[in-house]
Amino acid sequence: MEKIEINGNVWIKFKGDEGQDVYVAELMIDSEKVLGKFADPESYDIVIDSDTDFYLPSNDMFDKDSLTEDRVAFKFRKNVFTSEEQSGAFEGLFGAAQESHNRGLAAGPRNFSDHSRDWVTPFQKEVIRYYETRNAYDIVSDKVEVLRKEYENSIQENRGGVWLRSKIEDEFGSLETFFETFIERISEMSLDDAKKYAKEFKEEFISDTTYANSIWSGIAGFYGRYPRIPYGRPTSYTDHHRETFEKCYPFARKLDAEFKRMMPERWARQNEYVKQVDNRFIIGEDTTFTTITVNTTTTTRNARMAFHRDAGSLNNGFSNLTVITKEGKNWQGGYLVAPEVRVAINVRPGDLLLVDNMRVIHGNTPIEPPETCEKDFLRMSLVFYFREDMLKLGSWEYEITRREYVDSRRLNPSHPLWRKHWNGVSPNMWYEKEWYDYLSSKLGEEVLKKYHPESVETKSSGLESFFGV
């Protein structure tokens, strides 16, 4: 048993039963403040590049018997998947990743040089606010230059406004110089005129919608209900490319078998939940996964993740991460970093990482072309997991009927609630006679009673009232 100490951080290290390195962290560092920020070399002390089990600290970190699966931060194994298995996963899942602006903290702070968006910088935002709120007692004559210096090295928020490019170009001609022109104009105005102009300028040239960084990320497999989409369903990619998607099944089954072998207790817990779900919502109908997150990074696609915790996975289960590429294309960087335990993991094509991503903060270092200076590189990461909200679903047929019911309302101009662009959803719609009658006509009274026993009570109550009982 070896004690490792780096920069005041301590880990215990020894060899496991399979010859893997086993690390036990002495403590977890409070890293909440890094959420939403990108990982860099200052975020970790140890790089994991071989078979490793890593455990979180406990009161007795030296007792090997206390190293239970509930203390596992991650288990990492090299070269688990064959080239053929990786190829199937690539073909089946590459198309699932699309440009997304909805990854929240994982998207990281916005980059001024992101060519897909013309961001409103903190400096620009504060200059506009200054002129909107300036009063006669403001005696700072060079306030704009004070703000320019203050925000010179500022970091963007994770979400923010963007300039309306076409309107800017129509009015000012150049995106590069328009804001300095605005400053020149407004600085020569009276107090009242400047306030009015600042307000009009903001309303005219800044989008009402806020955005986050774009990330090439997507979801394959199956999803639970959502307020606006109140039925279980295949993801859009899976629904429209089912035959292609199924090419990933051999990969998924191999991954599931390794999950079961390496973490039998957590696999068994997850499998108990799987048994509660119609197997047509399960990937391959015989694994313990419902959903796959697909992230791709190339010269034109960004999928670098800032520090975050995942949401939606089953707490009693575990997430399974791997990376693949195509035709041997390479990259450098892309370490998965866990700052709370000061560790980075170098996951390469064919490797498998079982990670507690609901509990452990994680993010990626930059993903860049290899040292050979090749411009053509590709990294695709896959995260297989069980979505906890799938436990709320009924049978496949029941969820399809919910979907058909929503569509029947949405497409019916004669419906009392219909309006242009209506999505067919309304409050309490699943507890109304209209739905009960529709479900009964499609799947029968027994299904109605199974999923909506209250409908029977409603009918009984109505009859009793009619007969005066």
Protein backbone atom coordinates (compact mmCIF):
# COMPACT_ATOMS: atom_id res chain seq x y z
CA MET A 1 0.00 0.00 0.00
CA GLU A 2 1.39 3.37 -1.07
CA LYS A 3 0.58 6.84 0.18
CA ILE A 4 0.69 9.55 -2.50
CA GLU A 5 0.78 13.22 -1.58
CA ILE A 6 0.72 16.01 -4.19
CA ASN A 7 0.12 19.68 -3.40
CA GLY A 8 -1.26 18.70 0.00
CA ASN A 9 -3.75 16.20 -1.47
CA VAL A 10 -3.48 12.57 -0.35
CA TRP A 11 -4.47 9.26 -1.96
CA ILE A 12 -3.84 5.66 -0.97
CA LYS A 13 -2.82 3.35 -3.84
CA PHE A 14 -2.53 -0.44 -4.11
CA LYS A 15 -3.06 -3.27 -6.59
CA GLY A 16 -6.49 -4.85 -7.03
CA ASP A 17 -7.50 -8.46 -7.71
CA GLU A 18 -7.34 -7.99 -11.50
CA GLY A 19 -3.99 -6.22 -11.41
CA GLN A 20 -5.67 -2.83 -11.68
CA ASP A 21 -4.51 0.19 -9.71
CA VAL A 22 -6.81 1.03 -6.81
CA TYR A 23 -6.91 4.60 -5.50
CA VAL A 24 -8.70 5.80 -2.38
CA ALA A 25 -9.04 9.57 -1.96
CA GLU A 26 -8.39 10.90 1.53
CA LEU A 27 -10.91 13.72 1.08
CA MET A 28 -13.09 15.44 -1.50
CA ILE A 29 -12.28 19.05 -2.21
CA ASP A 30 -15.19 21.50 -2.26
CA SER A 31 -15.36 22.27 -5.98
CA GLU A 32 -18.84 23.77 -6.29
CA LYS A 33 -17.31 27.05 -7.42
CA VAL A 34 -15.92 25.46 -10.59
CA LEU A 35 -19.35 24.41 -11.89
CA GLY A 36 -19.84 25.86 -15.36
CA LYS A 37 -16.11 26.48 -15.86
CA PHE A 38 -13.72 24.58 -18.09
CA ALA A 39 -11.10 22.13 -16.87
CA ASP A 40 -7.42 22.91 -17.33
CA PRO A 41 -4.10 21.45 -16.08
CA GLU A 42 -4.61 23.23 -12.75
CA SER A 43 -7.76 21.15 -12.13
CA TYR A 44 -5.99 17.83 -11.45
CA ASP A 45 -2.83 16.27 -9.99
CA ILE A 46 -3.02 12.67 -11.27
CA VAL A 47 -3.66 11.36 -14.79
CA ILE A 48 -5.22 7.89 -15.03
CA ASP A 49 -4.13 6.01 -18.16
CA SER A 50 -4.39 2.34 -17.15
CA ASP A 51 -6.93 -0.01 -15.53
CA THR A 52 -8.05 1.71 -12.34
CA ASP A 53 -10.66 1.56 -9.58
CA PHE A 54 -11.13 4.86 -7.74
CA TYR A 55 -12.95 5.14 -4.43
CA LEU A 56 -14.31 8.15 -2.58
CA PRO A 57 -13.21 8.74 1.02
CA SER A 58 -14.84 7.34 4.15
CA ASN A 59 -14.11 7.33 7.87
CA ASP A 60 -11.83 4.31 7.46
CA MET A 61 -10.10 4.72 4.11
CA PHE A 62 -7.45 2.10 4.96
CA ASP A 63 -9.98 -0.73 5.42
CA LYS A 64 -10.24 -2.61 2.13
CA ASP A 65 -13.46 -4.26 3.27
CA SER A 66 -15.12 -0.83 3.35
CA LEU A 67 -14.48 -0.29 -0.37
CA THR A 68 -18.04 -0.99 -1.44
CA GLU A 69 -19.59 -0.21 -4.81
CA ASP A 70 -21.39 2.75 -3.25
CA ARG A 71 -17.99 4.38 -2.71
CA VAL A 72 -16.88 3.97 -6.32
CA ALA A 73 -16.25 7.27 -8.10
CA PHE A 74 -15.24 5.41 -11.26
CA LYS A 75 -13.84 2.18 -12.67
CA PHE A 76 -11.73 2.44 -15.82
CA ARG A 77 -10.69 -0.34 -18.18
CA LYS A 78 -8.54 -0.12 -21.30
CA ASN A 79 -9.32 -1.73 -24.67
CA VAL A 80 -12.68 -3.28 -23.78
CA PHE A 81 -14.35 -2.94 -27.19
CA THR A 82 -13.25 -4.44 -30.49
CA SER A 83 -12.88 -2.38 -33.66
CA GLU A 84 -16.02 -4.02 -35.05
CA GLU A 85 -18.06 -3.13 -31.95
CA GLN A 86 -16.83 0.45 -32.08
CA SER A 87 -17.65 0.69 -35.78
CA GLY A 88 -21.23 -0.43 -35.12
CA ALA A 89 -21.64 2.15 -32.38
CA PHE A 90 -20.24 4.88 -34.62
CA GLU A 91 -22.53 4.04 -37.52
CA GLY A 92 -25.54 3.69 -35.25
CA LEU A 93 -25.08 6.86 -33.21
CA PHE A 94 -23.03 9.49 -35.06
CA GLY A 95 -26.11 11.15 -36.54
CA ALA A 96 -27.71 11.64 -33.11
CA ALA A 97 -25.46 14.58 -32.19
CA GLN A 98 -26.80 17.93 -33.38
CA GLU A 99 -25.85 21.51 -32.57
CA SER A 100 -27.46 22.30 -29.21
CA HIS A 101 -27.76 25.43 -27.08
CA ASN A 102 -29.50 23.71 -24.16
CA ARG A 103 -26.71 22.05 -22.17
CA GLY A 104 -26.68 24.62 -19.36
CA LEU A 105 -23.59 24.55 -17.15
CA ALA A 106 -22.01 21.82 -19.26
CA ALA A 107 -21.73 24.24 -22.19
CA GLY A 108 -19.24 26.33 -20.23
CA PRO A 109 -18.71 30.11 -20.28
CA ARG A 110 -19.43 31.74 -23.60
CA ASN A 111 -16.50 32.51 -25.87
CA PHE A 112 -16.20 35.95 -27.45
CA SER A 113 -14.82 34.32 -30.64
CA ASP A 114 -17.70 31.86 -31.09
CA HIS A 115 -18.55 32.53 -34.74
CA SER A 116 -22.00 30.95 -34.43
CA ARG A 117 -23.14 33.79 -32.14
CA ASP A 118 -22.29 37.49 -31.84
CA TRP A 119 -22.39 37.69 -28.06
CA VAL A 120 -23.19 40.77 -26.04
CA THR A 121 -20.07 41.09 -23.91
CA PRO A 122 -20.12 42.09 -20.23
CA PHE A 123 -18.46 45.40 -21.18
CA GLN A 124 -21.12 46.18 -23.80
CA LYS A 125 -23.90 45.20 -21.42
CA GLU A 126 -22.59 47.49 -18.68
CA VAL A 127 -22.07 50.45 -21.02
CA ILE A 128 -25.69 50.25 -22.18
CA ARG A 129 -26.89 49.89 -18.57
CA TYR A 130 -24.78 52.91 -17.56
CA TYR A 131 -26.42 55.19 -20.11
CA GLU A 132 -29.89 53.80 -19.30
CA THR A 133 -29.53 54.61 -15.59
CA ARG A 134 -27.12 57.57 -15.55
CA ASN A 135 -28.20 60.56 -13.49
CA ALA A 136 -27.19 64.21 -13.25
CA TYR A 137 -25.00 63.55 -10.20
CA ASP A 138 -22.70 61.12 -12.06
CA ILE A 139 -19.40 62.98 -12.15
CA VAL A 140 -17.21 60.22 -13.65
CA SER A 141 -16.41 61.79 -17.03
CA ASP A 142 -14.56 58.76 -18.39
CA LYS A 143 -16.95 56.07 -17.11
CA VAL A 144 -16.82 54.11 -20.37
CA GLU A 145 -13.04 53.77 -20.16
CA VAL A 146 -13.34 52.73 -16.51
CA LEU A 147 -15.77 49.98 -17.56
CA ARG A 148 -13.54 48.98 -20.48
CA LYS A 149 -10.62 48.39 -18.12
CA GLU A 150 -12.81 46.66 -15.51
CA TYR A 151 -14.20 44.14 -17.99
CA GLU A 152 -11.06 43.74 -20.10
CA ASN A 153 -10.46 40.14 -18.96
CA SER A 154 -13.98 39.23 -17.86
CA ILE A 155 -15.46 35.76 -18.34
CA GLN A 156 -18.82 35.44 -20.02
CA GLU A 157 -21.81 33.97 -18.20
CA ASN A 158 -23.08 30.56 -19.31
CA ARG A 159 -26.10 32.11 -20.99
CA GLY A 160 -26.54 35.55 -22.47
CA GLY A 161 -27.82 37.81 -25.20
CA VAL A 162 -26.66 38.04 -28.79
CA TRP A 163 -26.55 40.88 -31.28
CA LEU A 164 -28.93 40.79 -34.24
CA ARG A 165 -26.28 40.66 -36.94
CA SER A 166 -28.34 41.71 -39.95
CA LYS A 167 -29.82 44.74 -38.19
CA ILE A 168 -26.39 45.79 -36.90
CA GLU A 169 -24.93 45.62 -40.40
CA ASP A 170 -27.87 47.54 -41.91
CA GLU A 171 -27.51 50.36 -39.38
CA PHE A 172 -23.77 50.49 -38.68
CA GLY A 173 -22.18 48.63 -41.57
CA SER A 174 -19.61 46.72 -39.56
CA LEU A 175 -19.86 44.27 -36.66
CA GLU A 176 -16.26 45.04 -35.72
CA THR A 177 -16.77 48.76 -35.12
CA PHE A 178 -20.50 49.24 -34.47
CA PHE A 179 -20.26 49.46 -30.68
CA GLU A 180 -17.56 52.13 -30.75
CA THR A 181 -19.80 54.08 -33.14
CA PHE A 182 -22.65 53.68 -30.65
CA ILE A 183 -20.42 55.03 -27.85
CA GLU A 184 -19.43 58.04 -29.97
CA ARG A 185 -23.05 58.85 -30.74
CA ILE A 186 -24.45 58.45 -27.25
CA SER A 187 -21.60 60.29 -25.50
CA GLU A 188 -22.58 63.50 -27.31
CA MET A 189 -26.25 63.34 -26.27
CA SER A 190 -28.02 64.99 -23.38
CA LEU A 191 -28.88 62.93 -20.32
CA ASP A 192 -32.49 62.32 -21.37
CA ASP A 193 -31.68 61.67 -25.03
CA ALA A 194 -28.94 59.21 -24.04
CA LYS A 195 -31.33 57.26 -21.80
CA LYS A 196 -33.88 57.03 -24.59
CA TYR A 197 -31.28 56.03 -27.20
CA ALA A 198 -29.73 53.36 -24.94
CA LYS A 199 -33.13 51.77 -24.39
CA GLU A 200 -34.04 51.87 -28.08
CA PHE A 201 -30.59 50.54 -29.06
CA LYS A 202 -30.95 47.54 -26.72
CA GLU A 203 -34.48 46.74 -27.87
CA GLU A 204 -33.61 47.09 -31.55
CA PHE A 205 -30.29 45.27 -31.79
CA ILE A 206 -30.20 42.61 -29.03
CA SER A 207 -32.20 39.39 -29.42
CA ASP A 208 -34.97 38.73 -26.90
CA THR A 209 -33.74 35.13 -26.65
CA THR A 210 -30.73 34.22 -24.52
CA TYR A 211 -28.35 31.46 -25.59
CA ALA A 212 -25.61 29.22 -24.25
CA ASN A 213 -22.54 27.99 -26.10
CA SER A 214 -23.33 25.62 -28.93
CA ILE A 215 -22.35 22.01 -28.31
CA TRP A 216 -22.66 19.10 -30.71
CA SER A 217 -24.67 16.81 -28.52
CA GLY A 218 -27.75 14.64 -28.89
CA ILE A 219 -29.85 11.90 -27.36
CA ALA A 220 -30.52 8.42 -28.75
CA GLY A 221 -32.72 5.71 -27.30
CA PHE A 222 -35.83 6.58 -25.32
CA TYR A 223 -37.22 9.43 -23.26
CA GLY A 224 -39.82 9.77 -20.51
CA ARG A 225 -42.69 12.23 -20.33
CA TYR A 226 -42.23 15.97 -20.41
CA PRO A 227 -44.86 18.67 -19.69
CA ARG A 228 -45.04 19.71 -23.35
CA ILE A 229 -44.55 16.13 -24.61
CA PRO A 230 -46.53 14.07 -22.08
CA TYR A 231 -45.81 10.56 -23.32
CA GLY A 232 -42.87 8.13 -23.34
CA ARG A 233 -41.28 7.88 -26.75
CA PRO A 234 -38.20 7.12 -28.82
CA THR A 235 -35.98 10.17 -29.23
CA SER A 236 -36.37 11.95 -32.56
CA TYR A 237 -33.17 10.41 -33.91
CA THR A 238 -34.19 6.88 -32.90
CA ASP A 239 -37.72 7.34 -34.22
CA HIS A 240 -36.56 8.47 -37.66
CA HIS A 241 -33.46 6.26 -38.03
CA ARG A 242 -34.44 3.07 -36.22
CA GLU A 243 -32.56 0.64 -38.49
CA THR A 244 -29.37 2.71 -38.28
CA PHE A 245 -29.72 3.15 -34.53
CA GLU A 246 -29.94 -0.61 -33.97
CA LYS A 247 -26.39 -1.02 -35.27
CA CYS A 248 -25.21 0.08 -31.81
CA TYR A 249 -26.88 -2.89 -30.08
CA PRO A 250 -23.83 -5.25 -30.04
CA PHE A 251 -21.79 -2.43 -28.47
CA ALA A 252 -24.52 -1.75 -25.89
CA ARG A 253 -24.76 -5.43 -24.94
CA LYS A 254 -21.01 -5.76 -24.52
CA LEU A 255 -20.99 -2.64 -22.37
CA ASP A 256 -23.85 -3.97 -20.24
CA ALA A 257 -22.02 -7.28 -19.71
CA GLU A 258 -18.91 -5.42 -18.53
CA PHE A 259 -21.02 -3.26 -16.24
CA LYS A 260 -22.49 -6.40 -14.70
CA ARG A 261 -19.06 -8.01 -14.29
CA MET A 262 -17.32 -4.97 -12.82
CA MET A 263 -20.12 -3.65 -10.59
CA PRO A 264 -22.57 -6.51 -9.99
CA GLU A 265 -24.41 -4.85 -7.11
CA ARG A 266 -25.10 -1.57 -8.89
CA TRP A 267 -26.00 -3.47 -12.08
CA ALA A 268 -28.47 -5.64 -10.13
CA ARG A 269 -30.12 -2.57 -8.60
CA GLN A 270 -30.45 -0.96 -12.00
CA ASN A 271 -31.79 -4.17 -13.48
CA GLU A 272 -34.57 -4.28 -10.88
CA TYR A 273 -35.76 -0.92 -12.19
CA VAL A 274 -35.43 -2.11 -15.78
CA LYS A 275 -37.88 -4.92 -14.97
CA GLN A 276 -40.50 -2.28 -14.14
CA VAL A 277 -40.33 -0.78 -17.64
CA ASP A 278 -41.71 -2.18 -20.90
CA ASN A 279 -38.64 -3.69 -22.56
CA ARG A 280 -39.43 -1.82 -25.78
CA PHE A 281 -38.18 1.29 -23.96
CA ILE A 282 -34.86 -0.50 -23.23
CA ILE A 283 -31.91 -0.31 -25.64
CA GLY A 284 -31.72 -3.67 -27.40
CA GLU A 285 -34.67 -4.75 -25.20
CA ASP A 286 -32.17 -6.72 -23.08
CA THR A 287 -29.69 -4.22 -21.54
CA THR A 288 -30.02 -1.98 -18.47
CA PHE A 289 -29.99 1.27 -20.48
CA THR A 290 -32.79 3.44 -21.81
CA THR A 291 -30.84 6.36 -23.21
CA ILE A 292 -27.52 7.37 -24.77
CA THR A 293 -26.02 10.86 -24.81
CA VAL A 294 -23.86 11.36 -27.90
CA ASN A 295 -21.25 14.16 -28.08
CA THR A 296 -18.97 14.78 -31.06
CA THR A 297 -15.92 17.00 -31.49
CA THR A 298 -14.21 17.68 -34.82
CA THR A 299 -12.58 20.71 -36.43
CA THR A 300 -16.09 22.11 -36.97
CA ARG A 301 -17.98 20.57 -34.02
CA ASN A 302 -17.49 21.39 -30.35
CA ALA A 303 -18.51 19.00 -27.57
CA ARG A 304 -16.16 20.04 -24.81
CA MET A 305 -18.03 19.96 -21.51
CA ALA A 306 -17.50 22.38 -18.64
CA PHE A 307 -17.67 21.13 -15.05
CA HIS A 308 -21.13 19.83 -14.17
CA ARG A 309 -23.05 16.97 -12.60
CA ASP A 310 -25.40 14.96 -14.78
CA ALA A 311 -29.12 14.97 -14.12
CA GLY A 312 -31.81 12.44 -14.90
CA SER A 313 -29.79 9.24 -14.42
CA LEU A 314 -30.91 6.61 -11.93
CA ASN A 315 -29.29 7.34 -8.56
CA ASN A 316 -29.15 3.66 -7.63
CA GLY A 317 -27.57 2.74 -10.96
CA PHE A 318 -24.44 3.91 -12.74
CA SER A 319 -23.48 5.64 -15.96
CA ASN A 320 -21.21 4.07 -18.55
CA LEU A 321 -18.96 6.23 -20.71
CA THR A 322 -16.75 5.42 -23.66
CA VAL A 323 -15.23 7.24 -26.62
CA ILE A 324 -14.90 6.09 -30.20
CA THR A 325 -13.57 7.47 -33.46
CA LYS A 326 -13.68 6.59 -37.15
CA GLU A 327 -10.91 5.16 -39.31
CA GLY A 328 -8.29 5.69 -36.62
CA LYS A 329 -8.63 9.47 -36.51
CA ASN A 330 -6.78 10.81 -33.51
CA TRP A 331 -6.85 13.75 -31.10
CA GLN A 332 -5.05 14.98 -28.03
CA GLY A 333 -6.49 16.15 -24.73
CA GLY A 334 -10.10 15.53 -23.85
CA TYR A 335 -9.26 14.18 -20.38
CA LEU A 336 -12.29 13.70 -18.17
CA VAL A 337 -11.45 15.60 -14.98
CA ALA A 338 -12.95 15.08 -11.51
CA PRO A 339 -11.75 18.20 -9.63
CA GLU A 340 -13.09 17.13 -6.24
CA VAL A 341 -10.56 14.28 -6.13
CA ARG A 342 -7.96 16.01 -8.38
CA VAL A 343 -7.92 13.26 -11.03
CA ALA A 344 -7.98 13.26 -14.85
CA ILE A 345 -8.79 10.16 -16.93
CA ASN A 346 -7.41 9.70 -20.44
CA VAL A 347 -10.25 7.80 -22.11
CA ARG A 348 -9.27 6.56 -25.57
CA PRO A 349 -11.19 4.64 -28.28
CA GLY A 350 -12.33 1.25 -27.02
CA ASP A 351 -11.89 2.09 -23.33
CA LEU A 352 -14.72 1.90 -20.79
CA LEU A 353 -15.33 4.24 -17.88
CA LEU A 354 -18.02 3.44 -15.31
CA VAL A 355 -18.56 6.72 -13.47
CA ASP A 356 -20.88 8.10 -10.80
CA ASN A 357 -21.63 11.22 -12.85
CA MET A 358 -24.67 12.17 -10.74
CA ARG A 359 -22.49 12.61 -7.67
CA VAL A 360 -19.04 13.48 -9.04
CA ILE A 361 -18.39 16.84 -10.71
CA HIS A 362 -16.72 16.30 -14.09
CA GLY A 363 -15.69 18.09 -17.29
CA ASN A 364 -13.24 17.84 -20.18
CA THR A 365 -9.89 19.45 -20.94
CA PRO A 366 -9.57 20.91 -24.47
CA ILE A 367 -9.95 18.46 -27.35
CA GLU A 368 -7.45 19.34 -30.06
CA PRO A 369 -5.77 17.96 -33.19
CA PRO A 370 -2.91 15.52 -32.49
CA GLU A 371 0.70 16.67 -32.33
CA THR A 372 1.16 15.54 -35.94
CA CYS A 373 -0.76 18.74 -36.78
CA GLU A 374 -3.45 16.80 -38.64
CA LYS A 375 -6.48 19.01 -39.06
CA ASP A 376 -8.88 16.14 -39.50
CA PHE A 377 -9.74 14.65 -36.10
CA LEU A 378 -12.82 13.13 -34.49
CA ARG A 379 -13.79 12.27 -30.92
CA MET A 380 -17.23 10.87 -30.15
CA SER A 381 -18.18 10.22 -26.53
CA LEU A 382 -21.12 8.00 -25.56
CA VAL A 383 -22.83 7.91 -22.18
CA PHE A 384 -25.25 4.99 -21.62
CA TYR A 385 -27.64 5.27 -18.69
CA PHE A 386 -31.12 4.54 -17.30
CA ARG A 387 -33.38 7.58 -17.09
CA GLU A 388 -35.17 7.62 -13.75
CA ASP A 389 -38.31 9.20 -15.19
CA MET A 390 -38.89 6.09 -17.33
CA LEU A 391 -40.33 4.47 -14.20
CA LYS A 392 -43.43 6.66 -14.60
CA LEU A 393 -44.31 5.16 -17.98
CA GLY A 394 -47.03 2.68 -18.78
CA SER A 395 -46.82 0.02 -21.45
CA TRP A 396 -45.55 0.79 -24.94
CA GLU A 397 -49.13 0.68 -26.25
CA TYR A 398 -50.37 2.99 -23.50
CA GLU A 399 -47.70 5.62 -24.20
CA ILE A 400 -48.36 5.41 -27.95
CA THR A 401 -52.06 5.99 -27.26
CA ARG A 402 -51.22 9.06 -25.17
CA ARG A 403 -49.20 10.35 -28.12
CA GLU A 404 -52.01 9.66 -30.58
CA TYR A 405 -54.47 11.41 -28.28
CA VAL A 406 -52.34 14.55 -28.10
CA ASP A 407 -52.00 14.55 -31.90
CA SER A 408 -55.74 14.04 -32.39
CA ARG A 409 -56.42 17.17 -30.36
CA ARG A 410 -53.61 19.19 -31.94
CA LEU A 411 -54.79 18.42 -35.47
CA ASN A 412 -58.50 18.94 -34.82
CA PRO A 413 -59.58 22.56 -35.56
CA SER A 414 -63.03 21.69 -34.17
CA HIS A 415 -61.68 20.94 -30.70
CA PRO A 416 -62.96 23.52 -28.16
CA LEU A 417 -59.39 24.33 -27.05
CA TRP A 418 -57.86 24.45 -30.52
CA ARG A 419 -55.89 27.51 -31.54
CA LYS A 420 -53.13 28.21 -34.00
CA HIS A 421 -49.85 26.50 -33.05
CA TRP A 422 -51.54 24.62 -30.15
CA ASN A 423 -49.57 21.53 -29.13
CA GLY A 424 -52.65 19.57 -28.04
CA VAL A 425 -51.77 19.73 -24.33
CA SER A 426 -53.90 21.31 -21.62
CA PRO A 427 -54.01 21.29 -17.79
CA ASN A 428 -55.55 18.20 -16.18
CA MET A 429 -56.15 16.62 -19.61
CA TRP A 430 -55.28 13.14 -18.29
CA TYR A 431 -58.06 13.29 -15.66
CA GLU A 432 -60.90 14.25 -17.94
CA LYS A 433 -63.73 12.22 -19.50
CA GLU A 434 -62.47 13.05 -23.00
CA TRP A 435 -59.24 11.12 -22.34
CA TYR A 436 -60.96 8.29 -20.49
CA ASP A 437 -63.33 7.73 -23.41
CA TYR A 438 -60.50 7.88 -25.95
CA LEU A 439 -58.31 5.42 -24.04
CA SER A 440 -61.19 3.02 -23.47
CA SER A 441 -62.09 3.07 -27.17
CA LYS A 442 -58.50 2.32 -28.17
CA LEU A 443 -57.28 -0.16 -25.53
CA GLY A 444 -60.39 -1.24 -23.65
CA GLU A 445 -61.91 -0.85 -20.20
CA GLU A 446 -59.32 -3.03 -18.46
CA VAL A 447 -56.44 -0.77 -19.53
CA LEU A 448 -58.48 2.26 -18.50
CA LYS A 449 -59.00 0.77 -15.02
CA LYS A 450 -55.34 -0.21 -14.72
CA TYR A 451 -53.90 3.23 -15.43
CA HIS A 452 -56.82 5.38 -14.34
CA PRO A 453 -58.73 3.77 -11.46
CA GLU A 454 -60.07 7.22 -10.64
CA SER A 455 -62.09 7.07 -13.87
CA VAL A 456 -64.17 4.23 -12.42
CA GLU A 457 -64.76 6.22 -9.24
CA THR A 458 -65.81 9.19 -11.36
CA LYS A 459 -68.34 7.10 -13.27
CA SER A 460 -69.71 5.53 -10.06
CA SER A 461 -70.04 8.90 -8.44
CA GLY A 462 -71.99 10.18 -11.42
CA LEU A 463 -74.45 7.27 -11.37
CA GLU A 464 -75.07 7.61 -7.66
CA SER A 465 -75.80 11.26 -8.09
CA PHE A 466 -78.19 10.51 -10.97
CA PHE A 467 -80.21 8.01 -8.90
CA GLY A 468 -80.11 10.21 -5.82
CA VAL A 469 -78.17 7.69 -3.72
